[in-house]
Amino acid sequence: MTQPVDRPTAPATPSPHSPRPPRLLHVDNLRTALTALVVIHHSVIAYSNVPRWYYTEPPADPSGTLLDLVLVLNQAFFMGAFFLISALFVPGSYDRKGTGRFLKERLLRLGVPLLLWLLVLRPLATAGRYTAARDSALQQGTELPYWQFYLRSFTPGPMWFVEVLLVFSALYVLWRHLAVKDRHASEPAPAAGRAPGAVAIVGFTVGLALVTYLWRIVVPMGVSILGLPTPAYLPQYVALFTVGLIAARRGRLEGLSGTAGRVGFAVAAVAAVALLLVLISTGEAILGGGTLPSLMAAACESALAVGVILGLLVLFRERFGHQGRRRRFLSAHAYTVYVVHPVVLVALGHALRDVQAPAVAKGALLAALALPLCWATAYLVRALPGARKVL
């Protein structure tokens, strides 16, 4: 990773003489894996005891509880990892393009897909729910126009991530402009590529756990605010996005050792077991409100998130730092998969409706079918004229 200056010293303007930094292939591959994990997560949720998806089948057997546990563990880290990875590319992009072009391209790459989801894909994903709601209204002697259903049930769905990322990008631009005013403040530049030490990582994890615990006194888990399905994790998203910005500026993540990755995975495994034990023994007390189980859950989730992300960054750097034809294809279409996957999953869910199987088996079947179909759909979408400029 290239090492730009630590602090902006002039108003950001496009720098045509600055070479584009080399592409981080291991980060591209990690982003692809996380996108596949998003598809798996939403495949699992369809058959779990968490009825927060566009197509659901309440489980009729105990295996639905296993799916619930998968969701809890996955939710603890995977969207935070997305925010960190997204932030890695923000400073360099801003340096090369300047404020105007950076914001224009952010609006194009984030705003247009968001509108596509809201105006086209969301109506497709919610068609079955609207039909059921309309028929129920007719039985009660009333009508339910689609526009009323749309507004009453409005959420950005999985595209909440794009919404928040757009806000974070705008706040970063604001910070860069404010930082220019403070350009004469001295601050020692860290050694290039120097990885954070154990004390820094532990301190960050503890701080994140405490902030998350305090935040959930006001915003407990399970509450939706402004369409965000998981606002209880907002401290994690902000913290990891900030870590990504710092890492992009100072190159610290590239210096992580293999030992750091292995220890990260080990800590994450212990934290995962502890989190499940807290969940099983205390139930809804972990959701927030200042309870001791909520503090324990926040600590376990923070350790799990930091450990898994450290492990994944090292693993993909050491084992998946190259791209052949197949990985390039998967990487190029990953963002489009994220945008279109709800429609694919809902269609497959309806197609598998009459299949009789345990919840865990249907979740696995849906994921196995959805993954290749999502990438195939993304390929067709990106083949449309002008689509690659946005997706």
Protein backbone atom coordinates (compact mmCIF):
# COMPACT_ATOMS: atom_id res chain seq x y z
CA MET A 1 0.00 0.00 0.00
CA THR A 2 1.34 3.45 -0.82
CA GLN A 3 2.07 5.85 2.02
CA PRO A 4 0.44 9.27 1.47
CA VAL A 5 1.17 12.12 3.85
CA ASP A 6 -0.32 11.81 7.28
CA ARG A 7 -2.17 15.11 7.21
CA PRO A 8 -3.52 17.14 4.28
CA THR A 9 -1.46 20.28 3.81
CA ALA A 10 -3.50 21.99 1.09
CA PRO A 11 -7.02 21.94 -0.25
CA ALA A 12 -7.60 18.64 -1.96
CA THR A 13 -7.38 18.96 -5.73
CA PRO A 14 -7.04 16.29 -8.38
CA SER A 15 -3.44 15.14 -8.74
CA PRO A 16 -2.94 13.86 -12.28
CA HIS A 17 0.78 13.31 -11.60
CA SER A 18 0.13 11.02 -8.64
CA PRO A 19 0.11 7.39 -9.76
CA ARG A 20 -2.82 5.25 -8.82
CA PRO A 21 -1.77 2.90 -6.02
CA PRO A 22 -1.49 -0.79 -6.85
CA ARG A 23 -4.71 -2.72 -6.47
CA LEU A 24 -4.95 -4.68 -3.23
CA LEU A 25 -5.98 -8.02 -4.66
CA HIS A 26 -6.28 -9.71 -1.28
CA VAL A 27 -8.70 -6.98 -0.16
CA ASP A 28 -10.69 -7.43 -3.37
CA ASN A 29 -10.90 -11.15 -2.70
CA LEU A 30 -11.90 -10.56 0.91
CA ARG A 31 -14.66 -8.22 -0.21
CA THR A 32 -15.91 -10.94 -2.56
CA ALA A 33 -15.97 -13.45 0.32
CA LEU A 34 -17.88 -11.01 2.52
CA THR A 35 -20.40 -10.45 -0.27
CA ALA A 36 -20.94 -14.21 -0.46
CA LEU A 37 -21.41 -14.14 3.31
CA VAL A 38 -24.15 -11.51 2.89
CA VAL A 39 -25.98 -13.83 0.49
CA ILE A 40 -25.60 -16.73 2.94
CA HIS A 41 -26.76 -14.56 5.85
CA HIS A 42 -29.98 -13.59 4.09
CA SER A 43 -30.52 -17.16 2.90
CA VAL A 44 -30.32 -18.33 6.51
CA ILE A 45 -32.57 -15.59 7.87
CA ALA A 46 -35.42 -16.74 5.62
CA TYR A 47 -35.78 -19.95 7.66
CA SER A 48 -34.74 -18.67 11.09
CA ASN A 49 -36.75 -17.35 14.00
CA VAL A 50 -35.86 -13.79 12.97
CA PRO A 51 -38.75 -12.65 10.72
CA ARG A 52 -36.91 -9.69 9.19
CA TRP A 53 -36.65 -10.55 5.53
CA TYR A 54 -38.78 -10.25 2.39
CA TYR A 55 -39.53 -13.98 2.25
CA THR A 56 -39.70 -16.08 5.42
CA GLU A 57 -40.81 -19.54 6.45
CA PRO A 58 -41.11 -19.91 10.23
CA PRO A 59 -39.11 -23.01 11.21
CA ALA A 60 -41.15 -26.02 12.25
CA ASP A 61 -38.21 -27.87 13.82
CA PRO A 62 -35.45 -27.08 16.35
CA SER A 63 -32.83 -26.59 13.64
CA GLY A 64 -34.14 -23.05 13.21
CA THR A 65 -32.34 -22.22 16.45
CA LEU A 66 -29.03 -23.21 14.83
CA LEU A 67 -29.72 -20.69 12.10
CA ASP A 68 -30.40 -18.04 14.76
CA LEU A 69 -26.96 -18.70 16.27
CA VAL A 70 -25.32 -18.41 12.85
CA LEU A 71 -26.99 -15.02 12.39
CA VAL A 72 -25.81 -13.78 15.79
CA LEU A 73 -22.19 -14.74 15.15
CA ASN A 74 -22.16 -13.43 11.60
CA GLN A 75 -23.82 -10.15 12.52
CA ALA A 76 -21.12 -9.52 15.11
CA PHE A 77 -18.45 -8.82 12.50
CA PHE A 78 -19.34 -9.00 8.81
CA MET A 79 -20.82 -5.54 8.21
CA GLY A 80 -18.13 -3.96 10.34
CA ALA A 81 -15.57 -5.66 8.09
CA PHE A 82 -17.32 -4.15 5.07
CA PHE A 83 -17.02 -0.65 6.54
CA LEU A 84 -13.31 -1.12 7.26
CA ILE A 85 -12.61 -2.38 3.75
CA SER A 86 -14.64 0.41 2.16
CA ALA A 87 -12.68 3.02 4.15
CA LEU A 88 -9.34 1.70 2.87
CA PHE A 89 -10.07 3.18 -0.55
CA VAL A 90 -11.51 6.53 0.53
CA PRO A 91 -8.43 8.68 1.31
CA GLY A 92 -6.55 7.77 -1.86
CA SER A 93 -9.62 8.32 -3.99
CA TYR A 94 -10.17 11.73 -2.43
CA ASP A 95 -6.50 12.66 -2.90
CA ARG A 96 -6.60 11.83 -6.61
CA LYS A 97 -9.98 13.33 -7.44
CA GLY A 98 -10.55 16.28 -5.12
CA THR A 99 -13.81 17.21 -3.44
CA GLY A 100 -16.07 17.76 -6.43
CA ARG A 101 -15.17 14.69 -8.43
CA PHE A 102 -14.98 12.50 -5.32
CA LEU A 103 -18.50 13.44 -4.21
CA LYS A 104 -19.83 13.15 -7.76
CA GLU A 105 -18.49 9.63 -8.11
CA ARG A 106 -19.74 8.69 -4.64
CA LEU A 107 -23.22 9.82 -5.64
CA LEU A 108 -22.95 7.91 -8.89
CA ARG A 109 -21.63 4.69 -7.40
CA LEU A 110 -23.72 4.75 -4.23
CA GLY A 111 -26.70 7.02 -4.89
CA VAL A 112 -27.74 5.58 -8.25
CA PRO A 113 -27.75 1.92 -7.06
CA LEU A 114 -29.73 3.08 -4.02
CA LEU A 115 -32.35 4.66 -6.29
CA LEU A 116 -32.34 1.53 -8.47
CA TRP A 117 -33.10 -0.52 -5.38
CA LEU A 118 -35.83 1.78 -4.08
CA LEU A 119 -37.63 2.28 -7.41
CA VAL A 120 -37.17 -1.07 -9.17
CA LEU A 121 -35.73 -3.88 -7.08
CA ARG A 122 -37.55 -3.27 -3.81
CA PRO A 123 -40.99 -3.46 -5.48
CA LEU A 124 -39.92 -6.79 -7.00
CA ALA A 125 -38.65 -8.13 -3.67
CA THR A 126 -41.82 -7.08 -1.81
CA ALA A 127 -44.36 -8.16 -4.44
CA GLY A 128 -45.36 -11.26 -2.47
CA ARG A 129 -45.77 -9.34 0.77
CA TYR A 130 -47.86 -6.71 -0.97
CA THR A 131 -50.15 -9.34 -2.46
CA ALA A 132 -50.74 -10.87 0.97
CA ALA A 133 -51.35 -7.45 2.55
CA ARG A 134 -53.72 -6.43 -0.24
CA ASP A 135 -55.75 -9.65 0.02
CA SER A 136 -55.97 -9.22 3.79
CA ALA A 137 -57.21 -5.66 3.33
CA LEU A 138 -59.84 -6.80 0.82
CA GLN A 139 -61.13 -9.40 3.26
CA GLN A 140 -61.67 -6.57 5.73
CA GLY A 141 -63.53 -4.52 3.13
CA THR A 142 -60.77 -2.00 2.42
CA GLU A 143 -58.33 -1.39 -0.39
CA LEU A 144 -54.59 -1.09 -0.16
CA PRO A 145 -53.01 0.74 -3.10
CA TYR A 146 -49.41 -0.14 -3.69
CA TRP A 147 -48.15 3.34 -2.93
CA GLN A 148 -49.66 3.14 0.56
CA PHE A 149 -48.08 -0.26 1.17
CA TYR A 150 -44.75 1.05 -0.12
CA LEU A 151 -44.70 4.03 2.22
CA ARG A 152 -45.98 2.13 5.27
CA SER A 153 -43.44 -0.66 4.88
CA PHE A 154 -40.59 1.54 3.70
CA THR A 155 -37.05 0.56 4.63
CA PRO A 156 -33.86 0.73 2.56
CA GLY A 157 -33.39 -3.00 3.09
CA PRO A 158 -29.80 -4.23 2.63
CA MET A 159 -29.00 -0.94 0.92
CA TRP A 160 -28.87 0.72 4.33
CA PHE A 161 -25.15 -0.01 4.08
CA VAL A 162 -24.91 2.14 0.96
CA GLU A 163 -26.85 4.93 2.68
CA VAL A 164 -24.56 4.94 5.69
CA LEU A 165 -21.44 4.68 3.54
CA LEU A 166 -22.58 7.72 1.59
CA VAL A 167 -23.01 9.66 4.85
CA PHE A 168 -19.60 8.51 6.11
CA SER A 169 -18.01 9.63 2.83
CA ALA A 170 -19.57 13.08 3.12
CA LEU A 171 -18.35 13.38 6.73
CA TYR A 172 -14.86 12.41 5.59
CA VAL A 173 -14.88 15.22 3.03
CA LEU A 174 -15.96 17.64 5.74
CA TRP A 175 -13.16 16.43 8.00
CA ARG A 176 -10.57 16.86 5.24
CA HIS A 177 -11.63 20.47 4.74
CA LEU A 178 -11.51 21.14 8.47
CA ALA A 179 -8.13 19.42 8.75
CA VAL A 180 -6.66 21.78 6.17
CA LYS A 181 -7.25 24.66 8.60
CA ASP A 182 -5.15 22.79 11.16
CA ARG A 183 -2.35 21.92 8.76
CA HIS A 184 0.30 23.69 10.83
CA ALA A 185 -0.32 21.47 13.86
CA SER A 186 2.61 19.14 14.33
CA GLU A 187 2.12 15.43 14.79
CA PRO A 188 4.85 12.79 14.58
CA ALA A 189 4.47 10.57 11.56
CA PRO A 190 4.36 6.86 12.41
CA ALA A 191 6.74 4.43 10.77
CA ALA A 192 5.52 3.31 7.38
CA GLY A 193 3.81 -0.05 7.50
CA ARG A 194 4.12 -0.38 11.26
CA ALA A 195 1.35 -2.65 12.53
CA PRO A 196 -0.62 -1.81 15.67
CA GLY A 197 0.70 -3.64 18.72
CA ALA A 198 -1.15 -5.87 21.14
CA VAL A 199 -1.75 -3.02 23.59
CA ALA A 200 -3.32 -0.85 20.89
CA ILE A 201 -5.54 -3.69 19.65
CA VAL A 202 -6.69 -4.65 23.15
CA GLY A 203 -7.30 -1.01 24.01
CA PHE A 204 -9.36 -0.50 20.88
CA THR A 205 -11.41 -3.63 21.62
CA VAL A 206 -12.10 -2.62 25.21
CA GLY A 207 -13.04 0.91 24.17
CA LEU A 208 -15.35 -0.40 21.46
CA ALA A 209 -17.03 -2.76 23.95
CA LEU A 210 -17.67 0.04 26.45
CA VAL A 211 -19.01 2.47 23.86
CA THR A 212 -21.24 -0.26 22.40
CA TYR A 213 -22.57 -1.11 25.86
CA LEU A 214 -23.38 2.53 26.63
CA TRP A 215 -24.91 3.06 23.18
CA ARG A 216 -27.24 0.08 23.66
CA ILE A 217 -28.67 1.59 26.81
CA VAL A 218 -30.29 4.12 24.46
CA VAL A 219 -30.50 2.00 21.29
CA PRO A 220 -30.94 -1.68 22.25
CA MET A 221 -30.57 -4.52 19.80
CA GLY A 222 -33.66 -5.28 17.74
CA VAL A 223 -34.66 -1.63 17.40
CA SER A 224 -34.80 -0.09 13.92
CA ILE A 225 -34.06 3.62 13.50
CA LEU A 226 -34.45 5.52 10.22
CA GLY A 227 -34.68 2.24 8.38
CA LEU A 228 -31.37 0.92 9.74
CA PRO A 229 -31.92 -2.72 10.72
CA THR A 230 -28.95 -2.90 13.13
CA PRO A 231 -28.36 0.56 14.67
CA ALA A 232 -27.16 -1.14 17.86
CA TYR A 233 -23.93 -1.90 15.96
CA LEU A 234 -23.38 1.68 14.84
CA PRO A 235 -20.39 2.25 17.20
CA GLN A 236 -18.66 -0.71 15.58
CA TYR A 237 -19.35 0.59 12.08
CA VAL A 238 -18.02 4.06 12.92
CA ALA A 239 -14.96 2.69 14.71
CA LEU A 240 -13.97 0.25 11.96
CA PHE A 241 -14.56 2.80 9.21
CA THR A 242 -12.23 5.13 11.10
CA VAL A 243 -9.66 2.35 11.46
CA GLY A 244 -9.85 1.82 7.71
CA LEU A 245 -9.20 5.51 7.07
CA ILE A 246 -6.18 5.51 9.38
CA ALA A 247 -4.86 2.28 7.88
CA ALA A 248 -5.18 3.68 4.37
CA ARG A 249 -3.24 6.79 5.37
CA ARG A 250 -0.53 5.03 7.35
CA GLY A 251 -0.41 1.54 5.86
CA ARG A 252 -0.53 -0.18 9.23
CA LEU A 253 -2.64 -3.21 8.33
CA GLU A 254 -0.07 -4.41 5.80
CA GLY A 255 2.38 -4.92 8.64
CA LEU A 256 0.19 -7.39 10.53
CA SER A 257 2.09 -10.58 11.21
CA GLY A 258 0.94 -14.13 10.70
CA THR A 259 0.93 -14.53 14.47
CA ALA A 260 -1.51 -11.62 14.78
CA GLY A 261 -3.87 -13.36 12.39
CA ARG A 262 -3.71 -16.68 14.21
CA VAL A 263 -4.19 -15.06 17.59
CA GLY A 264 -7.10 -13.06 16.14
CA PHE A 265 -8.88 -16.21 15.01
CA ALA A 266 -8.21 -17.90 18.37
CA VAL A 267 -9.61 -14.95 20.32
CA ALA A 268 -12.60 -14.83 18.00
CA ALA A 269 -13.32 -18.53 18.59
CA VAL A 270 -13.26 -18.08 22.38
CA ALA A 271 -15.40 -14.92 22.10
CA ALA A 272 -17.93 -16.74 19.89
CA VAL A 273 -18.35 -19.55 22.43
CA ALA A 274 -18.67 -17.03 25.25
CA LEU A 275 -21.24 -15.01 23.32
CA LEU A 276 -23.37 -18.07 22.67
CA LEU A 277 -23.18 -19.08 26.33
CA VAL A 278 -24.27 -15.60 27.40
CA LEU A 279 -27.13 -15.68 24.89
CA ILE A 280 -28.32 -19.14 25.92
CA SER A 281 -28.12 -18.42 29.66
CA THR A 282 -29.56 -14.90 29.73
CA GLY A 283 -31.78 -14.60 26.64
CA GLU A 284 -33.09 -11.13 25.87
CA ALA A 285 -31.08 -9.54 28.69
CA ILE A 286 -28.18 -9.19 26.23
CA LEU A 287 -30.15 -6.79 24.03
CA GLY A 288 -29.24 -3.66 25.99
CA GLY A 289 -30.66 -1.42 28.67
CA GLY A 290 -27.55 -1.34 30.85
CA THR A 291 -27.71 -4.97 32.00
CA LEU A 292 -24.67 -7.04 32.92
CA PRO A 293 -25.44 -9.57 30.14
CA SER A 294 -25.53 -6.65 27.69
CA LEU A 295 -22.04 -5.61 28.80
CA MET A 296 -20.80 -9.18 28.43
CA ALA A 297 -22.38 -9.46 24.98
CA ALA A 298 -20.81 -6.17 23.87
CA ALA A 299 -17.40 -7.37 25.07
CA CYS A 300 -17.75 -10.74 23.32
CA GLU A 301 -18.97 -9.17 20.09
CA SER A 302 -16.15 -6.63 20.05
CA ALA A 303 -13.51 -9.30 20.64
CA LEU A 304 -15.12 -11.50 18.01
CA ALA A 305 -15.23 -8.70 15.43
CA VAL A 306 -11.67 -7.53 15.98
CA GLY A 307 -10.32 -11.09 16.09
CA VAL A 308 -12.08 -12.28 12.95
CA ILE A 309 -11.16 -9.18 10.96
CA LEU A 310 -7.50 -9.43 11.98
CA GLY A 311 -7.50 -13.09 11.05
CA LEU A 312 -9.19 -12.53 7.70
CA LEU A 313 -6.89 -9.67 6.71
CA VAL A 314 -3.81 -11.79 7.37
CA LEU A 315 -5.28 -14.95 5.86
CA PHE A 316 -6.29 -13.28 2.61
CA ARG A 317 -3.00 -11.39 2.36
CA GLU A 318 -1.00 -14.60 2.75
CA ARG A 319 -3.20 -17.11 0.93
CA PHE A 320 -5.48 -15.20 -1.43
CA GLY A 321 -3.37 -12.32 -2.71
CA HIS A 322 -3.69 -13.25 -6.37
CA GLN A 323 -6.46 -13.19 -8.94
CA GLY A 324 -6.96 -15.45 -11.88
CA ARG A 325 -9.80 -15.19 -14.34
CA ARG A 326 -12.36 -16.64 -11.93
CA ARG A 327 -11.51 -14.42 -8.97
CA ARG A 328 -11.42 -11.33 -11.19
CA PHE A 329 -14.92 -12.18 -12.39
CA LEU A 330 -16.21 -12.68 -8.86
CA SER A 331 -14.61 -9.46 -7.66
CA ALA A 332 -15.84 -7.35 -10.58
CA HIS A 333 -19.45 -8.42 -9.99
CA ALA A 334 -19.48 -8.47 -6.17
CA TYR A 335 -21.04 -5.02 -5.72
CA THR A 336 -23.80 -5.81 -8.20
CA VAL A 337 -24.45 -9.06 -6.34
CA TYR A 338 -24.93 -7.06 -3.16
CA VAL A 339 -27.50 -4.84 -4.88
CA VAL A 340 -29.54 -7.55 -6.65
CA HIS A 341 -29.30 -10.50 -4.28
CA PRO A 342 -32.59 -9.85 -2.37
CA VAL A 343 -34.62 -10.28 -5.55
CA VAL A 344 -32.81 -13.52 -6.38
CA LEU A 345 -33.30 -14.90 -2.86
CA VAL A 346 -37.00 -14.03 -2.76
CA ALA A 347 -37.60 -15.69 -6.13
CA LEU A 348 -35.73 -18.81 -5.05
CA GLY A 349 -37.55 -18.84 -1.71
CA HIS A 350 -40.91 -18.96 -3.47
CA ALA A 351 -39.61 -21.66 -5.83
CA LEU A 352 -38.53 -23.82 -2.86
CA ARG A 353 -41.70 -23.17 -0.88
CA ASP A 354 -43.06 -26.69 -1.27
CA VAL A 355 -39.79 -28.44 -0.45
CA GLN A 356 -40.16 -30.32 2.84
CA ALA A 357 -36.93 -30.26 4.81
CA PRO A 358 -35.54 -29.07 8.15
CA ALA A 359 -34.94 -25.35 8.39
CA VAL A 360 -31.16 -25.72 8.40
CA ALA A 361 -31.29 -27.88 5.27
CA LYS A 362 -33.49 -25.41 3.41
CA GLY A 363 -31.22 -22.54 4.41
CA ALA A 364 -28.20 -24.43 3.09
CA LEU A 365 -30.03 -25.35 -0.12
CA LEU A 366 -31.14 -21.78 -0.73
CA ALA A 367 -27.60 -20.48 -0.21
CA ALA A 368 -26.09 -23.11 -2.50
CA LEU A 369 -28.49 -22.22 -5.30
CA ALA A 370 -28.39 -18.47 -4.71
CA LEU A 371 -24.64 -17.92 -4.82
CA PRO A 372 -24.06 -18.90 -8.47
CA LEU A 373 -27.41 -17.45 -9.53
CA CYS A 374 -26.63 -14.09 -7.92
CA TRP A 375 -23.34 -13.81 -9.80
CA ALA A 376 -25.02 -14.88 -13.03
CA THR A 377 -27.70 -12.23 -12.52
CA ALA A 378 -25.03 -9.64 -11.76
CA TYR A 379 -23.26 -10.53 -15.00
CA LEU A 380 -26.44 -9.94 -16.97
CA VAL A 381 -27.16 -6.66 -15.19
CA ARG A 382 -23.65 -5.31 -15.77
CA ALA A 383 -23.94 -6.23 -19.45
CA LEU A 384 -26.65 -3.57 -19.82
CA PRO A 385 -25.54 -0.31 -21.50
CA GLY A 386 -23.97 2.06 -18.99
CA ALA A 387 -24.36 -0.31 -16.05
CA ARG A 388 -20.64 -0.74 -15.41
CA LYS A 389 -20.23 2.98 -14.78
CA VAL A 390 -22.51 2.57 -11.76
CA LEU A 391 -22.15 -1.09 -10.77
